[in-house]
């Protein structure tokens, strides 16, 4: 993993796609549309939120799918802990908190949760990025 310079306490890190573990299903049509947009722009601008110990995708499962379809070998990520006081994890369908162990279990087992089950938000602004897709291949 390599780090990009940032002023934030949340650096953008290039993580090999092979290490990332999804925890939720995706909408394939939505991922395909997003992949076309990213390909046309020829740069990656939004880091994926990833749980730091097991490399489980917290947020942006669609971007992970895009990265795979675009033939990228690494993808910009922000590594987080479920203990981070700035992180809020709720269900999309309600504002109820989600037990992080459920997400970790889904990522480790491959028994994915349904599309848009969880919502991960940081209470602070996180860095973006603008990395050429060629740099990520």
Foldseek 3Di string as FASTA:
>chain_A
DDWDDDPDPFTKDWDFLVQAFEQEDADVVVLVVVLVVCVVLQWFWAAFEAAAPRNYTDDDPSVSVSCVVVPFGITIHTYDHPPDPQKFKAFPVDSHGDDVVSSVCSRVVVVHHYHRGMDIDGNDDDGIDTGGSVVRD
